[in-house]
Amino acid sequence: MATVTAPEHVHPDPRPQRERYWRQGLGPSRWLLAVIDLGTAPAQIVTAYGNRKDPPGWTP
């Protein structure tokens, strides 16, 4: 939930009405990525997984 409530980086998803939220330091991987569907009420988490690569467009 920390990734969704206080993301360090937000990037649009290729699918419409979805966004990718990124947060560092929440697990064994470098980043936690959560894909959020904003087209539903309430918004829903579609998937979440660890990722070692920096998000697209990330600048510390």
PDB file of N, CA and C in Angstrom:
ATOM      1  N   MET A   1       0.826  -1.200   0.000  1.00  0.00           N
ATOM      2  CA  MET A   1       0.000   0.000   0.000  1.00  0.00           C
ATOM      3  C   MET A   1       0.865   1.257   0.000  1.00  0.00           C
ATOM      4  N   ALA A   2       2.078   1.169   0.552  1.00  0.00           N
ATOM      5  CA  ALA A   2       2.962   2.342   0.563  1.00  0.00           C
ATOM      6  C   ALA A   2       3.299   2.778  -0.857  1.00  0.00           C
ATOM      7  N   THR A   3       3.398   1.826  -1.783  1.00  0.00           N
ATOM      8  CA  THR A   3       3.691   2.165  -3.176  1.00  0.00           C
ATOM      9  C   THR A   3       2.563   2.981  -3.784  1.00  0.00           C
ATOM     10  N   VAL A   4       1.339   2.660  -3.444  1.00  0.00           N
ATOM     11  CA  VAL A   4       0.181   3.356  -4.011  1.00  0.00           C
ATOM     12  C   VAL A   4      -0.057   4.699  -3.317  1.00  0.00           C
ATOM     13  N   THR A   5       0.104   4.757  -2.010  1.00  0.00           N
ATOM     14  CA  THR A   5      -0.197   5.994  -1.277  1.00  0.00           C
ATOM     15  C   THR A   5       0.917   7.025  -1.358  1.00  0.00           C
ATOM     16  N   ALA A   6       2.172   6.572  -1.529  1.00  0.00           N
ATOM     17  CA  ALA A   6       3.299   7.513  -1.582  1.00  0.00           C
ATOM     18  C   ALA A   6       4.354   7.020  -2.575  1.00  0.00           C
ATOM     19  N   PRO A   7       4.015   6.985  -3.876  1.00  0.00           N
ATOM     20  CA  PRO A   7       4.983   6.492  -4.860  1.00  0.00           C
ATOM     21  C   PRO A   7       6.143   7.464  -5.025  1.00  0.00           C
ATOM     22  N   GLU A   8       7.309   6.921  -5.368  1.00  0.00           N
ATOM     23  CA  GLU A   8       8.469   7.765  -5.652  1.00  0.00           C
ATOM     24  C   GLU A   8       8.513   8.166  -7.122  1.00  0.00           C
ATOM     25  N   HIS A   9       7.809   7.408  -7.953  1.00  0.00           N
ATOM     26  CA  HIS A   9       7.772   7.703  -9.386  1.00  0.00           C
ATOM     27  C   HIS A   9       6.453   7.183  -9.941  1.00  0.00           C
ATOM     28  N   VAL A  10       5.825   7.951 -10.825  1.00  0.00           N
ATOM     29  CA  VAL A  10       4.590   7.534 -11.492  1.00  0.00           C
ATOM     30  C   VAL A  10       4.826   7.653 -12.993  1.00  0.00           C
ATOM     31  N   HIS A  11       4.425   6.610 -13.726  1.00  0.00           N
ATOM     32  CA  HIS A  11       4.631   6.566 -15.169  1.00  0.00           C
ATOM     33  C   HIS A  11       3.372   6.004 -15.809  1.00  0.00           C
ATOM     34  N   PRO A  12       2.936   6.541 -16.947  1.00  0.00           N
ATOM     35  CA  PRO A  12       1.738   5.979 -17.587  1.00  0.00           C
ATOM     36  C   PRO A  12       1.976   4.552 -18.068  1.00  0.00           C
ATOM     37  N   ASP A  13       0.952   3.744 -18.011  1.00  0.00           N
ATOM     38  CA  ASP A  13       0.983   2.383 -18.515  1.00  0.00           C
ATOM     39  C   ASP A  13       0.601   2.410 -19.992  1.00  0.00           C
ATOM     40  N   PRO A  14       1.026   1.435 -20.789  1.00  0.00           N
ATOM     41  CA  PRO A  14       0.606   1.414 -22.199  1.00  0.00           C
ATOM     42  C   PRO A  14      -0.912   1.297 -22.381  1.00  0.00           C
ATOM     43  N   ARG A  15      -1.591   0.718 -21.420  1.00  0.00           N
ATOM     44  CA  ARG A  15      -3.054   0.604 -21.532  1.00  0.00           C
ATOM     45  C   ARG A  15      -3.725   1.875 -21.019  1.00  0.00           C
ATOM     46  N   PRO A  16      -4.818   2.289 -21.647  1.00  0.00           N
ATOM     47  CA  PRO A  16      -5.500   3.510 -21.202  1.00  0.00           C
ATOM     48  C   PRO A  16      -6.049   3.384 -19.778  1.00  0.00           C
ATOM     49  N   GLN A  17      -6.079   4.485 -19.078  1.00  0.00           N
ATOM     50  CA  GLN A  17      -6.621   4.612 -17.718  1.00  0.00           C
ATOM     51  C   GLN A  17      -5.860   3.777 -16.695  1.00  0.00           C
ATOM     52  N   ARG A  18      -4.586   3.497 -16.978  1.00  0.00           N
ATOM     53  CA  ARG A  18      -3.738   2.794 -16.016  1.00  0.00           C
ATOM     54  C   ARG A  18      -2.454   3.575 -15.811  1.00  0.00           C
ATOM     55  N   GLU A  19      -1.905   3.465 -14.616  1.00  0.00           N
ATOM     56  CA  GLU A  19      -0.629   4.098 -14.300  1.00  0.00           C
ATOM     57  C   GLU A  19       0.243   3.106 -13.554  1.00  0.00           C
ATOM     58  N   ARG A  20       1.552   3.321 -13.667  1.00  0.00           N
ATOM     59  CA  ARG A  20       2.528   2.488 -12.962  1.00  0.00           C
ATOM     60  C   ARG A  20       3.125   3.306 -11.827  1.00  0.00           C
ATOM     61  N   TYR A  21       3.023   2.777 -10.628  1.00  0.00           N
ATOM     62  CA  TYR A  21       3.556   3.433  -9.433  1.00  0.00           C
ATOM     63  C   TYR A  21       4.776   2.665  -8.966  1.00  0.00           C
ATOM     64  N   TRP A  22       5.853   3.381  -8.672  1.00  0.00           N
ATOM     65  CA  TRP A  22       7.125   2.779  -8.281  1.00  0.00           C
ATOM     66  C   TRP A  22       7.540   3.278  -6.906  1.00  0.00           C
ATOM     67  N   ARG A  23       8.110   2.376  -6.110  1.00  0.00           N
ATOM     68  CA  ARG A  23       8.629   2.740  -4.783  1.00  0.00           C
ATOM     69  C   ARG A  23       9.859   1.893  -4.478  1.00  0.00           C
ATOM     70  N   GLN A  24      10.897   2.514  -3.912  1.00  0.00           N
ATOM     71  CA  GLN A  24      12.138   1.826  -3.584  1.00  0.00           C
ATOM     72  C   GLN A  24      12.121   1.288  -2.159  1.00  0.00           C
ATOM     73  N   GLY A  25      12.919   0.226  -1.950  1.00  0.00           N
ATOM     74  CA  GLY A  25      13.222  -0.258  -0.609  1.00  0.00           C
ATOM     75  C   GLY A  25      12.109  -0.950   0.149  1.00  0.00           C
ATOM     76  N   LEU A  26      11.174  -1.582  -0.551  1.00  0.00           N
ATOM     77  CA  LEU A  26      10.068  -2.246   0.149  1.00  0.00           C
ATOM     78  C   LEU A  26      10.138  -3.766   0.078  1.00  0.00           C
ATOM     79  N   GLY A  27      11.215  -4.299  -0.445  1.00  0.00           N
ATOM     80  CA  GLY A  27      11.326  -5.746  -0.545  1.00  0.00           C
ATOM     81  C   GLY A  27      12.718  -6.138  -0.967  1.00  0.00           C
ATOM     82  N   PRO A  28      12.884  -7.378  -1.364  1.00  0.00           N
ATOM     83  CA  PRO A  28      14.213  -7.830  -1.748  1.00  0.00           C
ATOM     84  C   PRO A  28      14.702  -7.215  -3.066  1.00  0.00           C
ATOM     85  N   SER A  29      13.803  -6.822  -3.952  1.00  0.00           N
ATOM     86  CA  SER A  29      14.203  -6.159  -5.193  1.00  0.00           C
ATOM     87  C   SER A  29      14.397  -4.671  -4.935  1.00  0.00           C
ATOM     88  N   ARG A  30      15.048  -4.014  -5.876  1.00  0.00           N
ATOM     89  CA  ARG A  30      15.323  -2.587  -5.720  1.00  0.00           C
ATOM     90  C   ARG A  30      14.043  -1.751  -5.726  1.00  0.00           C
ATOM     91  N   TRP A  31      13.108  -2.074  -6.607  1.00  0.00           N
ATOM     92  CA  TRP A  31      11.857  -1.329  -6.748  1.00  0.00           C
ATOM     93  C   TRP A  31      10.656  -2.253  -6.587  1.00  0.00           C
ATOM     94  N   LEU A  32       9.550  -1.689  -6.126  1.00  0.00           N
ATOM     95  CA  LEU A  32       8.263  -2.371  -6.172  1.00  0.00           C
ATOM     96  C   LEU A  32       7.408  -1.599  -7.165  1.00  0.00           C
ATOM     97  N   LEU A  33       6.886  -2.303  -8.157  1.00  0.00           N
ATOM     98  CA  LEU A  33       6.052  -1.704  -9.194  1.00  0.00           C
ATOM     99  C   LEU A  33       4.620  -2.168  -8.991  1.00  0.00           C
ATOM    100  N   ALA A  34       3.694  -1.230  -8.971  1.00  0.00           N
ATOM    101  CA  ALA A  34       2.272  -1.561  -8.887  1.00  0.00           C
ATOM    102  C   ALA A  34       1.557  -0.895 -10.055  1.00  0.00           C
ATOM    103  N   VAL A  35       0.776  -1.667 -10.805  1.00  0.00           N
ATOM    104  CA  VAL A  35      -0.011  -1.140 -11.911  1.00  0.00           C
ATOM    105  C   VAL A  35      -1.426  -0.916 -11.392  1.00  0.00           C
ATOM    106  N   ILE A  36      -1.909   0.319 -11.542  1.00  0.00           N
ATOM    107  CA  ILE A  36      -3.201   0.714 -10.996  1.00  0.00           C
ATOM    108  C   ILE A  36      -4.172   1.012 -12.135  1.00  0.00           C
ATOM    109  N   ASP A  37      -5.374   0.447 -12.057  1.00  0.00           N
ATOM    110  CA  ASP A  37      -6.439   0.730 -13.022  1.00  0.00           C
ATOM    111  C   ASP A  37      -7.290   1.857 -12.466  1.00  0.00           C
ATOM    112  N   LEU A  38      -7.175   3.028 -13.072  1.00  0.00           N
ATOM    113  CA  LEU A  38      -7.913   4.201 -12.602  1.00  0.00           C
ATOM    114  C   LEU A  38      -9.289   4.325 -13.252  1.00  0.00           C
ATOM    115  N   GLY A  39      -9.620   3.412 -14.162  1.00  0.00           N
ATOM    116  CA  GLY A  39     -10.903   3.452 -14.855  1.00  0.00           C
ATOM    117  C   GLY A  39     -12.021   2.775 -14.093  1.00  0.00           C
ATOM    118  N   THR A  40     -11.739   2.213 -12.936  1.00  0.00           N
ATOM    119  CA  THR A  40     -12.764   1.578 -12.106  1.00  0.00           C
ATOM    120  C   THR A  40     -12.981   2.418 -10.854  1.00  0.00           C
ATOM    121  N   ALA A  41     -14.128   2.259 -10.257  1.00  0.00           N
ATOM    122  CA  ALA A  41     -14.405   2.989  -9.018  1.00  0.00           C
ATOM    123  C   ALA A  41     -14.740   1.971  -7.938  1.00  0.00           C
ATOM    124  N   PRO A  42     -13.914   1.847  -6.928  1.00  0.00           N
ATOM    125  CA  PRO A  42     -12.640   2.532  -6.692  1.00  0.00           C
ATOM    126  C   PRO A  42     -11.534   1.961  -7.587  1.00  0.00           C
ATOM    127  N   ALA A  43     -10.436   2.693  -7.689  1.00  0.00           N
ATOM    128  CA  ALA A  43      -9.292   2.231  -8.467  1.00  0.00           C
ATOM    129  C   ALA A  43      -8.805   0.903  -7.906  1.00  0.00           C
ATOM    130  N   GLN A  44      -8.254   0.054  -8.793  1.00  0.00           N
ATOM    131  CA  GLN A  44      -7.821  -1.277  -8.377  1.00  0.00           C
ATOM    132  C   GLN A  44      -6.370  -1.522  -8.751  1.00  0.00           C
ATOM    133  N   ILE A  45      -5.668  -2.273  -7.914  1.00  0.00           N
ATOM    134  CA  ILE A  45      -4.323  -2.722  -8.229  1.00  0.00           C
ATOM    135  C   ILE A  45      -4.463  -3.916  -9.174  1.00  0.00           C
ATOM    136  N   VAL A  46      -3.869  -3.795 -10.367  1.00  0.00           N
ATOM    137  CA  VAL A  46      -3.937  -4.864 -11.360  1.00  0.00           C
ATOM    138  C   VAL A  46      -2.862  -5.910 -11.081  1.00  0.00           C
ATOM    139  N   THR A  47      -1.647  -5.453 -10.800  1.00  0.00           N
ATOM    140  CA  THR A  47      -0.544  -6.345 -10.475  1.00  0.00           C
ATOM    141  C   THR A  47       0.509  -5.567  -9.706  1.00  0.00           C
ATOM    142  N   ALA A  48       1.357  -6.284  -9.010  1.00  0.00           N
ATOM    143  CA  ALA A  48       2.480  -5.676  -8.295  1.00  0.00           C
ATOM    144  C   ALA A  48       3.609  -6.696  -8.252  1.00  0.00           C
ATOM    145  N   TYR A  49       4.829  -6.219  -8.502  1.00  0.00           N
ATOM    146  CA  TYR A  49       5.975  -7.121  -8.488  1.00  0.00           C
ATOM    147  C   TYR A  49       7.269  -6.351  -8.295  1.00  0.00           C
ATOM    148  N   GLY A  50       8.303  -7.054  -7.876  1.00  0.00           N
ATOM    149  CA  GLY A  50       9.611  -6.457  -7.689  1.00  0.00           C
ATOM    150  C   GLY A  50      10.326  -6.295  -9.016  1.00  0.00           C
ATOM    151  N   ASN A  51      11.151  -5.245  -9.104  1.00  0.00           N
ATOM    152  CA  ASN A  51      11.893  -4.960 -10.324  1.00  0.00           C
ATOM    153  C   ASN A  51      13.246  -4.380  -9.949  1.00  0.00           C
ATOM    154  N   ARG A  52      14.312  -4.846 -10.586  1.00  0.00           N
ATOM    155  CA  ARG A  52      15.653  -4.349 -10.293  1.00  0.00           C
ATOM    156  C   ARG A  52      16.020  -3.120 -11.104  1.00  0.00           C
ATOM    157  N   LYS A  53      15.385  -2.943 -12.256  1.00  0.00           N
ATOM    158  CA  LYS A  53      15.710  -1.813 -13.137  1.00  0.00           C
ATOM    159  C   LYS A  53      15.015  -0.544 -12.668  1.00  0.00           C
ATOM    160  N   ASP A  54      15.665   0.603 -12.931  1.00  0.00           N
ATOM    161  CA  ASP A  54      15.037   1.886 -12.629  1.00  0.00           C
ATOM    162  C   ASP A  54      13.829   2.111 -13.537  1.00  0.00           C
ATOM    163  N   PRO A  55      12.825   2.836 -13.053  1.00  0.00           N
ATOM    164  CA  PRO A  55      11.660   3.129 -13.884  1.00  0.00           C
ATOM    165  C   PRO A  55      12.037   4.018 -15.070  1.00  0.00           C
ATOM    166  N   PRO A  56      11.266   3.972 -16.153  1.00  0.00           N
ATOM    167  CA  PRO A  56      11.536   4.846 -17.283  1.00  0.00           C
ATOM    168  C   PRO A  56      11.459   6.320 -16.869  1.00  0.00           C
ATOM    169  N   GLY A  57      12.437   7.095 -17.251  1.00  0.00           N
ATOM    170  CA  GLY A  57      12.432   8.517 -16.933  1.00  0.00           C
ATOM    171  C   GLY A  57      12.834   8.848 -15.512  1.00  0.00           C
ATOM    172  N   TRP A  58      13.312   7.880 -14.736  1.00  0.00           N
ATOM    173  CA  TRP A  58      13.677   8.094 -13.325  1.00  0.00           C
ATOM    174  C   TRP A  58      14.900   9.000 -13.212  1.00  0.00           C
ATOM    175  N   THR A  59      14.777  10.010 -12.387  1.00  0.00           N
ATOM    176  CA  THR A  59      15.911  10.841 -12.004  1.00  0.00           C
ATOM    177  C   THR A  59      15.882  10.990 -10.497  1.00  0.00           C
ATOM    178  N   PRO A  60      16.951  10.569  -9.817  1.00  0.00           N
ATOM    179  CA  PRO A  60      16.959  10.628  -8.353  1.00  0.00           C
ATOM    180  C   PRO A  60      16.935  12.049  -7.805  1.00  0.00           C
TER     181      PRO A  60
END
